[in-house]
Amino acid sequence: MAAAMALSCGARYGPCSRQLLGLSARGRLVRPAVWGGSAAPASSRPGPGGEVQYCAELLRKRDYEGFLCSLLLPAESRTSAFALRAFNVELAQIKDSITQKTIGLMRMQFWRKAVEDIYCDNPPHQPVAIELWKAIKRHNLTKRWLLKIIDEREKNLDDRAYRNIQELETYADNTHSALLYLTLEMLGVRDIHADHAASHIGKAQGIVTCLRATPYHSKRRKVFLPMDICMLHGVSQEDFIRANQEKNVRDVIYNIASQAHVHLEHARSFSKNVPVKAFPAFLYTVALEDYLYKIQKVDFNIFHPSLHKKKSITTGSSCNWSTTVFLAC
């Protein structure tokens, strides 16, 4: 049921097109969530056999929705998903944990070398790396997707806003979408329709993640939202730093959120051709649709308190739930 709700939640919004990014398109959409990391082995290493628990706990603390989605995967893929998402967390948290870019580059290089060593069956003595090695051997995961994630996150170490929405989408495609391609491989799915859906879902996830992180970054006087859309509405970075809630600020958020919705709609269009076996990979769309629905309810006020409450996902059968999310949300 989870994957069917994921690709059909668009019913909440009604028709949607790329025109949503235009100023005149506002009426088309009814107005009714980086971690720190270390390059070297963790200071508190788990005991023998404790790597899985280490990865799961890292996810639970740093990527709670990813943790829940991993729990709902088939048992044979679950520990591999913990390792893969923990690897992503290790990379994602580097940017916020450094004060000098050089340190970030060193940590990225640690993980780049770790991936190369893993494919030579010589993983470093670091719990995430060890579990990732096991996952790669178990599922024959493609190395270039892992390296692509590292390369893109390394480019993103600079503290600057995205120049335009396309630059944000490129970043999302090379990180979040790449993670979904690897998740599909873990599920034994190598299908072009599933890959197309994963590409759009990953882009939507990157856009939503940028939106969700805006209040956090604004408090630290940083704004990463696409500059072209901000300029279109006459909004400055200072408006976000001051938590301005004027209409033009909400217009910026509306346009960006609409683009995420467009990608989910595109992903949904592939649902009839995507193998059912692939649906669990797309569980994260539940969280994406939930956020878009909630931000719509508060009239695209990115600073509204209701957007920042942690929400649990409860369900029965993971298989049935994933099917529903993907097809009919």
C-alpha atoms as a PDB file:
ATOM      1  CA  MET A   1       0.000   0.000   0.000  1.00  0.00           C
ATOM      2  CA  ALA A   2       2.929   2.411   0.658  1.00  0.00           C
ATOM      3  CA  ALA A   3       4.047   2.866  -2.893  1.00  0.00           C
ATOM      4  CA  ALA A   4       0.553   3.411  -4.307  1.00  0.00           C
ATOM      5  CA  MET A   5      -0.278   6.284  -1.960  1.00  0.00           C
ATOM      6  CA  ALA A   6       3.087   7.765  -2.917  1.00  0.00           C
ATOM      7  CA  LEU A   7       2.329   8.266  -6.581  1.00  0.00           C
ATOM      8  CA  SER A   8      -1.282   9.198  -6.171  1.00  0.00           C
ATOM      9  CA  CYS A   9      -1.343  11.759  -3.379  1.00  0.00           C
ATOM     10  CA  GLY A  10      -1.561  14.325  -6.150  1.00  0.00           C
ATOM     11  CA  ALA A  11      -5.334  14.025  -5.899  1.00  0.00           C
ATOM     12  CA  ARG A  12      -5.123  16.460  -3.006  1.00  0.00           C
ATOM     13  CA  TYR A  13      -3.900  19.138  -5.337  1.00  0.00           C
ATOM     14  CA  GLY A  14      -5.798  18.529  -8.558  1.00  0.00           C
ATOM     15  CA  PRO A  15      -4.302  19.236 -12.003  1.00  0.00           C
ATOM     16  CA  CYS A  16      -0.735  20.421 -12.022  1.00  0.00           C
ATOM     17  CA  SER A  17       1.628  21.488 -14.769  1.00  0.00           C
ATOM     18  CA  ARG A  18       4.984  23.196 -15.143  1.00  0.00           C
ATOM     19  CA  GLN A  19       3.060  26.450 -15.527  1.00  0.00           C
ATOM     20  CA  LEU A  20       2.845  26.449 -11.747  1.00  0.00           C
ATOM     21  CA  LEU A  21       6.207  28.198 -11.674  1.00  0.00           C
ATOM     22  CA  GLY A  22       4.732  31.213 -13.447  1.00  0.00           C
ATOM     23  CA  LEU A  23       3.270  34.176 -11.621  1.00  0.00           C
ATOM     24  CA  SER A  24      -0.132  33.761 -13.249  1.00  0.00           C
ATOM     25  CA  ALA A  25      -0.338  30.109 -12.301  1.00  0.00           C
ATOM     26  CA  ARG A  26      -1.003  30.564  -8.591  1.00  0.00           C
ATOM     27  CA  GLY A  27      -4.627  29.539  -8.899  1.00  0.00           C
ATOM     28  CA  ARG A  28      -3.681  26.221 -10.444  1.00  0.00           C
ATOM     29  CA  LEU A  29      -2.709  24.797  -7.050  1.00  0.00           C
ATOM     30  CA  VAL A  30      -5.488  25.128  -4.479  1.00  0.00           C
ATOM     31  CA  ARG A  31      -4.254  26.941  -1.406  1.00  0.00           C
ATOM     32  CA  PRO A  32      -6.396  25.326   1.444  1.00  0.00           C
ATOM     33  CA  ALA A  33      12.363  18.058   6.312  1.00  0.00           C
ATOM     34  CA  VAL A  34      22.398  18.407   6.793  1.00  0.00           C
ATOM     35  CA  TRP A  35      23.948  16.337   9.143  1.00  0.00           C
ATOM     36  CA  GLY A  36      27.431  16.562  10.634  1.00  0.00           C
ATOM     37  CA  GLY A  37      29.840  13.780   9.941  1.00  0.00           C
ATOM     38  CA  SER A  38      33.391  12.653  10.294  1.00  0.00           C
ATOM     39  CA  ALA A  39      35.722  11.520   7.600  1.00  0.00           C
ATOM     40  CA  ALA A  40      37.534   9.105   9.791  1.00  0.00           C
ATOM     41  CA  PRO A  41      36.265   6.117  11.745  1.00  0.00           C
ATOM     42  CA  ALA A  42      33.742   6.917  14.452  1.00  0.00           C
ATOM     43  CA  SER A  43      35.172   7.634  17.860  1.00  0.00           C
ATOM     44  CA  SER A  44      32.862   5.169  19.585  1.00  0.00           C
ATOM     45  CA  ARG A  45      33.066   2.042  17.500  1.00  0.00           C
ATOM     46  CA  PRO A  46      30.469  -0.668  18.007  1.00  0.00           C
ATOM     47  CA  GLY A  47      31.515  -4.101  19.131  1.00  0.00           C
ATOM     48  CA  PRO A  48      31.825  -6.985  16.671  1.00  0.00           C
ATOM     49  CA  GLY A  49      28.560  -7.419  14.789  1.00  0.00           C
ATOM     50  CA  GLY A  50      27.228  -4.077  16.015  1.00  0.00           C
ATOM     51  CA  GLU A  51      27.606  -2.238  12.703  1.00  0.00           C
ATOM     52  CA  VAL A  52      23.947  -2.741  11.749  1.00  0.00           C
ATOM     53  CA  GLN A  53      22.778  -1.249  15.030  1.00  0.00           C
ATOM     54  CA  TYR A  54      25.199   1.647  14.576  1.00  0.00           C
ATOM     55  CA  CYS A  55      23.793   2.445  11.123  1.00  0.00           C
ATOM     56  CA  ALA A  56      20.195   2.088  12.293  1.00  0.00           C
ATOM     57  CA  GLU A  57      20.783   4.387  15.267  1.00  0.00           C
ATOM     58  CA  LEU A  58      22.539   6.965  13.074  1.00  0.00           C
ATOM     59  CA  LEU A  59      19.504   6.958  10.791  1.00  0.00           C
ATOM     60  CA  ARG A  60      17.051   7.133  13.662  1.00  0.00           C
ATOM     61  CA  LYS A  61      18.768  10.266  14.975  1.00  0.00           C
ATOM     62  CA  ARG A  62      19.662  11.981  11.700  1.00  0.00           C
ATOM     63  CA  ASP A  63      17.206  10.770   9.047  1.00  0.00           C
ATOM     64  CA  TYR A  64      14.126   9.580  10.889  1.00  0.00           C
ATOM     65  CA  GLU A  65      11.913   9.285   7.816  1.00  0.00           C
ATOM     66  CA  GLY A  66      14.636   7.330   6.032  1.00  0.00           C
ATOM     67  CA  PHE A  67      14.852   5.097   9.096  1.00  0.00           C
ATOM     68  CA  LEU A  68      11.110   4.392   8.980  1.00  0.00           C
ATOM     69  CA  CYS A  69      11.158   3.733   5.248  1.00  0.00           C
ATOM     70  CA  SER A  70      14.076   1.323   5.667  1.00  0.00           C
ATOM     71  CA  LEU A  71      12.178  -0.601   8.346  1.00  0.00           C
ATOM     72  CA  LEU A  72       9.353  -1.162   5.852  1.00  0.00           C
ATOM     73  CA  LEU A  73      11.565  -2.687   3.174  1.00  0.00           C
ATOM     74  CA  PRO A  74      11.655  -6.474   2.631  1.00  0.00           C
ATOM     75  CA  ALA A  75      13.742  -8.192   5.301  1.00  0.00           C
ATOM     76  CA  GLU A  76      16.465  -9.220   2.857  1.00  0.00           C
ATOM     77  CA  SER A  77      17.094  -5.565   1.920  1.00  0.00           C
ATOM     78  CA  ARG A  78      16.594  -3.867   5.273  1.00  0.00           C
ATOM     79  CA  THR A  79      20.137  -3.946   6.692  1.00  0.00           C
ATOM     80  CA  SER A  80      21.548  -2.919   3.324  1.00  0.00           C
ATOM     81  CA  ALA A  81      19.180   0.054   3.283  1.00  0.00           C
ATOM     82  CA  PHE A  82      20.408   1.060   6.746  1.00  0.00           C
ATOM     83  CA  ALA A  83      23.991   0.989   5.430  1.00  0.00           C
ATOM     84  CA  LEU A  84      23.198   2.923   2.264  1.00  0.00           C
ATOM     85  CA  ARG A  85      21.242   5.655   4.031  1.00  0.00           C
ATOM     86  CA  ALA A  86      23.819   5.857   6.822  1.00  0.00           C
ATOM     87  CA  PHE A  87      26.459   6.407   4.134  1.00  0.00           C
ATOM     88  CA  ASN A  88      24.334   9.264   2.788  1.00  0.00           C
ATOM     89  CA  VAL A  89      23.976  10.743   6.285  1.00  0.00           C
ATOM     90  CA  GLU A  90      27.747  10.609   6.821  1.00  0.00           C
ATOM     91  CA  LEU A  91      28.238  12.630   3.644  1.00  0.00           C
ATOM     92  CA  ALA A  92      25.336  15.015   4.221  1.00  0.00           C
ATOM     93  CA  GLN A  93      26.438  16.003   7.702  1.00  0.00           C
ATOM     94  CA  ILE A  94      29.946  17.006   6.639  1.00  0.00           C
ATOM     95  CA  LYS A  95      28.880  20.431   5.355  1.00  0.00           C
ATOM     96  CA  ASP A  96      27.381  21.512   8.683  1.00  0.00           C
ATOM     97  CA  SER A  97      30.220  20.125  10.794  1.00  0.00           C
ATOM     98  CA  ILE A  98      33.098  22.084   9.259  1.00  0.00           C
ATOM     99  CA  THR A  99      34.316  25.674   9.433  1.00  0.00           C
ATOM    100  CA  GLN A 100      36.863  25.314   6.617  1.00  0.00           C
ATOM    101  CA  LYS A 101      36.144  23.882   3.175  1.00  0.00           C
ATOM    102  CA  THR A 102      39.528  22.129   3.147  1.00  0.00           C
ATOM    103  CA  ILE A 103      38.433  19.928   6.046  1.00  0.00           C
ATOM    104  CA  GLY A 104      35.266  19.036   4.161  1.00  0.00           C
ATOM    105  CA  LEU A 105      37.276  18.099   1.074  1.00  0.00           C
ATOM    106  CA  MET A 106      39.476  15.826   3.197  1.00  0.00           C
ATOM    107  CA  ARG A 107      36.433  14.070   4.626  1.00  0.00           C
ATOM    108  CA  MET A 108      34.894  13.628   1.196  1.00  0.00           C
ATOM    109  CA  GLN A 109      38.194  12.151   0.017  1.00  0.00           C
ATOM    110  CA  PHE A 110      38.094   9.703   2.921  1.00  0.00           C
ATOM    111  CA  TRP A 111      34.737   8.393   1.690  1.00  0.00           C
ATOM    112  CA  ARG A 112      35.830   8.394  -1.954  1.00  0.00           C
ATOM    113  CA  LYS A 113      38.823   6.230  -1.058  1.00  0.00           C
ATOM    114  CA  ALA A 114      36.620   4.120   1.227  1.00  0.00           C
ATOM    115  CA  VAL A 115      34.308   3.303  -1.702  1.00  0.00           C
ATOM    116  CA  GLU A 116      37.262   2.401  -3.919  1.00  0.00           C
ATOM    117  CA  ASP A 117      38.686   0.180  -1.156  1.00  0.00           C
ATOM    118  CA  ILE A 118      35.292  -1.426  -0.549  1.00  0.00           C
ATOM    119  CA  TYR A 119      35.144  -2.541  -4.177  1.00  0.00           C
ATOM    120  CA  CYS A 120      38.586  -4.077  -3.662  1.00  0.00           C
ATOM    121  CA  ASP A 121      37.205  -6.000  -0.638  1.00  0.00           C
ATOM    122  CA  ASN A 122      39.284  -3.892   1.733  1.00  0.00           C
ATOM    123  CA  PRO A 123      36.813  -1.693   3.634  1.00  0.00           C
ATOM    124  CA  PRO A 124      38.139   0.699   6.296  1.00  0.00           C
ATOM    125  CA  HIS A 125      37.425  -0.130   9.933  1.00  0.00           C
ATOM    126  CA  GLN A 126      34.428   2.163  10.161  1.00  0.00           C
ATOM    127  CA  PRO A 127      30.943   0.754  10.920  1.00  0.00           C
ATOM    128  CA  VAL A 128      29.117   2.421   8.032  1.00  0.00           C
ATOM    129  CA  ALA A 129      31.846   1.455   5.573  1.00  0.00           C
ATOM    130  CA  ILE A 130      31.800  -2.149   6.761  1.00  0.00           C
ATOM    131  CA  GLU A 131      28.023  -2.422   6.378  1.00  0.00           C
ATOM    132  CA  LEU A 132      28.173  -0.717   3.002  1.00  0.00           C
ATOM    133  CA  TRP A 133      30.743  -3.291   1.881  1.00  0.00           C
ATOM    134  CA  LYS A 134      28.383  -6.080   2.921  1.00  0.00           C
ATOM    135  CA  ALA A 135      25.492  -4.441   1.065  1.00  0.00           C
ATOM    136  CA  ILE A 136      27.576  -4.051  -2.102  1.00  0.00           C
ATOM    137  CA  LYS A 137      28.623  -7.696  -2.032  1.00  0.00           C
ATOM    138  CA  ARG A 138      25.073  -8.817  -1.279  1.00  0.00           C
ATOM    139  CA  HIS A 139      23.358  -6.824  -4.043  1.00  0.00           C
ATOM    140  CA  ASN A 140      26.146  -6.034  -6.528  1.00  0.00           C
ATOM    141  CA  LEU A 141      25.520  -2.289  -6.208  1.00  0.00           C
ATOM    142  CA  THR A 142      26.825   0.048  -8.912  1.00  0.00           C
ATOM    143  CA  LYS A 143      29.922   1.973  -7.819  1.00  0.00           C
ATOM    144  CA  ARG A 144      29.345   5.015 -10.010  1.00  0.00           C
ATOM    145  CA  TRP A 145      26.150   5.962  -8.149  1.00  0.00           C
ATOM    146  CA  LEU A 146      28.026   6.003  -4.843  1.00  0.00           C
ATOM    147  CA  LEU A 147      30.826   8.103  -6.321  1.00  0.00           C
ATOM    148  CA  LYS A 148      28.302  10.438  -7.939  1.00  0.00           C
ATOM    149  CA  ILE A 149      26.746  11.128  -4.526  1.00  0.00           C
ATOM    150  CA  ILE A 150      30.171  11.939  -3.085  1.00  0.00           C
ATOM    151  CA  ASP A 151      31.137  14.163  -6.030  1.00  0.00           C
ATOM    152  CA  GLU A 152      27.889  16.150  -5.906  1.00  0.00           C
ATOM    153  CA  ARG A 153      28.000  16.669  -2.149  1.00  0.00           C
ATOM    154  CA  GLU A 154      31.601  17.792  -2.473  1.00  0.00           C
ATOM    155  CA  LYS A 155      30.557  20.445  -5.022  1.00  0.00           C
ATOM    156  CA  ASN A 156      27.883  21.547  -2.560  1.00  0.00           C
ATOM    157  CA  LEU A 157      30.347  22.352   0.241  1.00  0.00           C
ATOM    158  CA  ASP A 158      30.329  26.008  -0.801  1.00  0.00           C
ATOM    159  CA  ASP A 159      27.891  28.117   1.215  1.00  0.00           C
ATOM    160  CA  ARG A 160      25.994  29.697  -1.641  1.00  0.00           C
ATOM    161  CA  ALA A 161      22.427  29.681  -2.880  1.00  0.00           C
ATOM    162  CA  TYR A 162      21.447  27.688  -5.957  1.00  0.00           C
ATOM    163  CA  ARG A 163      21.532  29.964  -8.997  1.00  0.00           C
ATOM    164  CA  ASN A 164      18.273  28.554 -10.339  1.00  0.00           C
ATOM    165  CA  ILE A 165      15.804  25.710  -9.843  1.00  0.00           C
ATOM    166  CA  GLN A 166      17.626  23.628 -12.471  1.00  0.00           C
ATOM    167  CA  GLU A 167      20.825  23.712 -10.412  1.00  0.00           C
ATOM    168  CA  LEU A 168      18.893  22.488  -7.385  1.00  0.00           C
ATOM    169  CA  GLU A 169      17.327  19.713  -9.481  1.00  0.00           C
ATOM    170  CA  THR A 170      20.747  18.636 -10.762  1.00  0.00           C
ATOM    171  CA  TYR A 171      22.029  18.401  -7.203  1.00  0.00           C
ATOM    172  CA  ALA A 172      18.951  16.406  -6.168  1.00  0.00           C
ATOM    173  CA  ASP A 173      19.247  14.064  -9.153  1.00  0.00           C
ATOM    174  CA  ASN A 174      22.890  13.282  -8.386  1.00  0.00           C
ATOM    175  CA  THR A 175      22.228  12.646  -4.691  1.00  0.00           C
ATOM    176  CA  HIS A 176      18.657  11.681  -3.816  1.00  0.00           C
ATOM    177  CA  SER A 177      17.863  10.050  -7.166  1.00  0.00           C
ATOM    178  CA  ALA A 178      21.180   8.174  -7.132  1.00  0.00           C
ATOM    179  CA  LEU A 179      20.263   6.854  -3.683  1.00  0.00           C
ATOM    180  CA  LEU A 180      16.951   5.601  -5.090  1.00  0.00           C
ATOM    181  CA  TYR A 181      18.709   3.885  -8.020  1.00  0.00           C
ATOM    182  CA  LEU A 182      20.824   1.998  -5.492  1.00  0.00           C
ATOM    183  CA  THR A 183      17.736   1.142  -3.439  1.00  0.00           C
ATOM    184  CA  LEU A 184      16.121  -0.309  -6.555  1.00  0.00           C
ATOM    185  CA  GLU A 185      19.226  -2.428  -7.109  1.00  0.00           C
ATOM    186  CA  MET A 186      18.934  -3.689  -3.525  1.00  0.00           C
ATOM    187  CA  LEU A 187      15.381  -4.776  -4.329  1.00  0.00           C
ATOM    188  CA  GLY A 188      16.578  -6.611  -7.430  1.00  0.00           C
ATOM    189  CA  VAL A 189      14.949  -4.100  -9.803  1.00  0.00           C
ATOM    190  CA  ARG A 190      16.728  -2.868 -12.922  1.00  0.00           C
ATOM    191  CA  ASP A 191      13.955  -1.307 -14.967  1.00  0.00           C
ATOM    192  CA  ILE A 192      13.908   1.860 -17.077  1.00  0.00           C
ATOM    193  CA  HIS A 193      10.415   2.899 -15.938  1.00  0.00           C
ATOM    194  CA  ALA A 194      11.395   2.502 -12.281  1.00  0.00           C
ATOM    195  CA  ASP A 195      14.528   4.560 -12.971  1.00  0.00           C
ATOM    196  CA  HIS A 196      12.469   7.350 -14.548  1.00  0.00           C
ATOM    197  CA  ALA A 197      10.150   7.409 -11.539  1.00  0.00           C
ATOM    198  CA  ALA A 198      13.154   7.390  -9.192  1.00  0.00           C
ATOM    199  CA  SER A 199      14.707  10.342 -11.027  1.00  0.00           C
ATOM    200  CA  HIS A 200      11.620  12.508 -10.559  1.00  0.00           C
ATOM    201  CA  ILE A 201      11.035  11.406  -6.958  1.00  0.00           C
ATOM    202  CA  GLY A 202      14.666  12.162  -6.120  1.00  0.00           C
ATOM    203  CA  LYS A 203      14.345  15.648  -7.590  1.00  0.00           C
ATOM    204  CA  ALA A 204      11.161  16.230  -5.603  1.00  0.00           C
ATOM    205  CA  GLN A 205      12.920  15.042  -2.453  1.00  0.00           C
ATOM    206  CA  GLY A 206      15.843  17.398  -3.017  1.00  0.00           C
ATOM    207  CA  ILE A 207      13.509  20.347  -3.502  1.00  0.00           C
ATOM    208  CA  VAL A 208      11.443  19.507  -0.423  1.00  0.00           C
ATOM    209  CA  THR A 209      14.586  18.973   1.645  1.00  0.00           C
ATOM    210  CA  CYS A 210      15.797  22.436   0.620  1.00  0.00           C
ATOM    211  CA  LEU A 211      12.465  23.923   1.669  1.00  0.00           C
ATOM    212  CA  ARG A 212      12.326  22.069   4.986  1.00  0.00           C
ATOM    213  CA  ALA A 213      15.850  23.166   5.887  1.00  0.00           C
ATOM    214  CA  THR A 214      15.187  26.849   5.143  1.00  0.00           C
ATOM    215  CA  PRO A 215      14.111  27.889   8.688  1.00  0.00           C
ATOM    216  CA  TYR A 216      17.126  26.058  10.168  1.00  0.00           C
ATOM    217  CA  HIS A 217      19.551  27.720   7.776  1.00  0.00           C
ATOM    218  CA  SER A 218      17.887  31.119   8.036  1.00  0.00           C
ATOM    219  CA  LYS A 219      18.557  31.213  11.772  1.00  0.00           C
ATOM    220  CA  ARG A 220      22.234  30.790  10.868  1.00  0.00           C
ATOM    221  CA  ARG A 221      22.017  33.568   8.288  1.00  0.00           C
ATOM    222  CA  LYS A 222      22.256  31.186   5.349  1.00  0.00           C
ATOM    223  CA  VAL A 223      19.791  30.878   2.467  1.00  0.00           C
ATOM    224  CA  PHE A 224      20.106  28.273  -0.291  1.00  0.00           C
ATOM    225  CA  LEU A 225      16.805  28.731  -2.148  1.00  0.00           C
ATOM    226  CA  PRO A 226      17.105  29.258  -5.947  1.00  0.00           C
ATOM    227  CA  MET A 227      18.070  32.863  -6.621  1.00  0.00           C
ATOM    228  CA  ASP A 228      16.146  33.116  -9.898  1.00  0.00           C
ATOM    229  CA  ILE A 229      12.807  32.495  -8.183  1.00  0.00           C
ATOM    230  CA  CYS A 230      13.656  34.860  -5.314  1.00  0.00           C
ATOM    231  CA  MET A 231      14.554  37.603  -7.794  1.00  0.00           C
ATOM    232  CA  LEU A 232      11.371  36.960  -9.771  1.00  0.00           C
ATOM    233  CA  HIS A 233       9.340  37.934  -6.698  1.00  0.00           C
ATOM    234  CA  GLY A 234      11.636  40.672  -5.416  1.00  0.00           C
ATOM    235  CA  VAL A 235      12.666  38.689  -2.336  1.00  0.00           C
ATOM    236  CA  SER A 236      16.120  39.002  -0.775  1.00  0.00           C
ATOM    237  CA  GLN A 237      18.005  36.573   1.425  1.00  0.00           C
ATOM    238  CA  GLU A 238      17.508  39.009   4.287  1.00  0.00           C
ATOM    239  CA  ASP A 239      13.740  38.446   4.018  1.00  0.00           C
ATOM    240  CA  PHE A 240      14.250  34.800   4.917  1.00  0.00           C
ATOM    241  CA  ILE A 241      16.827  35.565   7.590  1.00  0.00           C
ATOM    242  CA  ARG A 242      14.260  37.849   9.241  1.00  0.00           C
ATOM    243  CA  ALA A 243      11.537  35.190   8.804  1.00  0.00           C
ATOM    244  CA  ASN A 244       9.474  37.571   6.696  1.00  0.00           C
ATOM    245  CA  GLN A 245       6.036  36.100   5.978  1.00  0.00           C
ATOM    246  CA  GLU A 246       4.822  38.600   3.371  1.00  0.00           C
ATOM    247  CA  LYS A 247       2.977  37.471   0.257  1.00  0.00           C
ATOM    248  CA  ASN A 248       5.986  37.728  -2.065  1.00  0.00           C
ATOM    249  CA  VAL A 249       8.004  35.461   0.252  1.00  0.00           C
ATOM    250  CA  ARG A 250       5.175  32.938   0.236  1.00  0.00           C
ATOM    251  CA  ASP A 251       5.058  33.232  -3.558  1.00  0.00           C
ATOM    252  CA  VAL A 252       8.677  32.067  -3.705  1.00  0.00           C
ATOM    253  CA  ILE A 253       7.887  29.052  -1.559  1.00  0.00           C
ATOM    254  CA  TYR A 254       4.757  28.334  -3.607  1.00  0.00           C
ATOM    255  CA  ASN A 255       6.730  28.273  -6.857  1.00  0.00           C
ATOM    256  CA  ILE A 256       9.427  25.988  -5.463  1.00  0.00           C
ATOM    257  CA  ALA A 257       6.924  23.639  -3.798  1.00  0.00           C
ATOM    258  CA  SER A 258       4.948  23.491  -7.041  1.00  0.00           C
ATOM    259  CA  GLN A 259       8.012  22.232  -8.882  1.00  0.00           C
ATOM    260  CA  ALA A 260       8.367  19.404  -6.359  1.00  0.00           C
ATOM    261  CA  HIS A 261       4.716  18.560  -6.934  1.00  0.00           C
ATOM    262  CA  VAL A 262       5.280  18.519 -10.707  1.00  0.00           C
ATOM    263  CA  HIS A 263       8.045  15.939 -10.275  1.00  0.00           C
ATOM    264  CA  LEU A 264       5.819  13.729  -8.136  1.00  0.00           C
ATOM    265  CA  GLU A 265       3.127  13.935 -10.805  1.00  0.00           C
ATOM    266  CA  HIS A 266       5.642  12.894 -13.456  1.00  0.00           C
ATOM    267  CA  ALA A 267       6.778   9.989 -11.285  1.00  0.00           C
ATOM    268  CA  ARG A 268       3.159   8.972 -10.820  1.00  0.00           C
ATOM    269  CA  SER A 269       2.696   8.789 -14.593  1.00  0.00           C
ATOM    270  CA  PHE A 270       5.088   5.817 -14.695  1.00  0.00           C
ATOM    271  CA  SER A 271       3.245   3.848 -12.007  1.00  0.00           C
ATOM    272  CA  LYS A 272       1.460   1.457 -14.375  1.00  0.00           C
ATOM    273  CA  ASN A 273       4.749   0.366 -15.940  1.00  0.00           C
ATOM    274  CA  VAL A 274       6.860   0.148 -12.783  1.00  0.00           C
ATOM    275  CA  PRO A 275       7.323  -3.394 -11.403  1.00  0.00           C
ATOM    276  CA  VAL A 276       5.481  -3.918  -8.123  1.00  0.00           C
ATOM    277  CA  LYS A 277       8.769  -5.130  -6.663  1.00  0.00           C
ATOM    278  CA  ALA A 278      10.083  -1.572  -7.006  1.00  0.00           C
ATOM    279  CA  PHE A 279       7.317   0.132  -5.024  1.00  0.00           C
ATOM    280  CA  PRO A 280       8.974  -0.114  -1.578  1.00  0.00           C
ATOM    281  CA  ALA A 281      11.872   1.998  -2.887  1.00  0.00           C
ATOM    282  CA  PHE A 282       9.473   4.907  -3.220  1.00  0.00           C
ATOM    283  CA  LEU A 283       8.105   4.947   0.335  1.00  0.00           C
ATOM    284  CA  TYR A 284       9.688   8.347   0.953  1.00  0.00           C
ATOM    285  CA  THR A 285       7.065   9.930  -1.279  1.00  0.00           C
ATOM    286  CA  VAL A 286       4.660   9.639   1.669  1.00  0.00           C
ATOM    287  CA  ALA A 287       6.736  12.168   3.617  1.00  0.00           C
ATOM    288  CA  LEU A 288       7.099  14.408   0.557  1.00  0.00           C
ATOM    289  CA  GLU A 289       3.369  14.521  -0.118  1.00  0.00           C
ATOM    290  CA  ASP A 290       2.665  15.057   3.570  1.00  0.00           C
ATOM    291  CA  TYR A 291       4.968  18.081   3.673  1.00  0.00           C
ATOM    292  CA  LEU A 292       3.538  19.585   0.472  1.00  0.00           C
ATOM    293  CA  TYR A 293       0.022  19.111   1.802  1.00  0.00           C
ATOM    294  CA  LYS A 294       0.886  20.748   5.134  1.00  0.00           C
ATOM    295  CA  ILE A 295       2.688  23.727   3.584  1.00  0.00           C
ATOM    296  CA  GLN A 296      -0.302  24.267   1.311  1.00  0.00           C
ATOM    297  CA  LYS A 297      -2.604  24.325   4.342  1.00  0.00           C
ATOM    298  CA  VAL A 298      -0.563  27.127   5.935  1.00  0.00           C
ATOM    299  CA  ASP A 299      -0.553  29.153   2.704  1.00  0.00           C
ATOM    300  CA  PHE A 300       3.120  28.417   1.977  1.00  0.00           C
ATOM    301  CA  ASN A 301       4.394  30.031   5.168  1.00  0.00           C
ATOM    302  CA  ILE A 302       7.729  28.219   5.402  1.00  0.00           C
ATOM    303  CA  PHE A 303       8.154  29.315   9.046  1.00  0.00           C
ATOM    304  CA  HIS A 304       4.836  27.964  10.352  1.00  0.00           C
ATOM    305  CA  PRO A 305       5.406  25.849  13.516  1.00  0.00           C
ATOM    306  CA  SER A 306       3.207  22.995  12.262  1.00  0.00           C
ATOM    307  CA  LEU A 307       5.751  22.215   9.545  1.00  0.00           C
ATOM    308  CA  HIS A 308       8.473  21.317  11.996  1.00  0.00           C
ATOM    309  CA  LYS A 309       6.836  18.626  14.112  1.00  0.00           C
ATOM    310  CA  LYS A 310       8.235  15.121  13.859  1.00  0.00           C
ATOM    311  CA  LYS A 311       5.565  12.734  12.654  1.00  0.00           C
ATOM    312  CA  SER A 312       5.589   8.953  12.930  1.00  0.00           C
ATOM    313  CA  ILE A 313       4.327   6.659  10.192  1.00  0.00           C
ATOM    314  CA  THR A 314       2.296   3.711  11.394  1.00  0.00           C
ATOM    315  CA  THR A 315       1.159   0.883   9.208  1.00  0.00           C
ATOM    316  CA  GLY A 316       0.407  -2.781   9.018  1.00  0.00           C
ATOM    317  CA  SER A 317       1.768  -4.807   6.114  1.00  0.00           C
ATOM    318  CA  SER A 318       4.740  -3.002   4.597  1.00  0.00           C
ATOM    319  CA  CYS A 319       4.227  -4.627   1.209  1.00  0.00           C
ATOM    320  CA  ASN A 320       0.546  -3.712   0.864  1.00  0.00           C
ATOM    321  CA  TRP A 321       1.103  -0.225   2.260  1.00  0.00           C
ATOM    322  CA  SER A 322       3.907   0.508  -0.195  1.00  0.00           C
ATOM    323  CA  THR A 323       1.752  -0.505  -3.133  1.00  0.00           C
ATOM    324  CA  THR A 324      -1.051   1.849  -2.092  1.00  0.00           C
ATOM    325  CA  VAL A 325       1.280   4.810  -1.568  1.00  0.00           C
ATOM    326  CA  PHE A 326       2.896   4.589  -5.004  1.00  0.00           C
ATOM    327  CA  LEU A 327      -0.295   4.235  -6.999  1.00  0.00           C
ATOM    328  CA  ALA A 328      -3.048   6.198  -5.382  1.00  0.00           C
ATOM    329  CA  CYS A 329      -2.027   8.882  -2.941  1.00  0.00           C
END
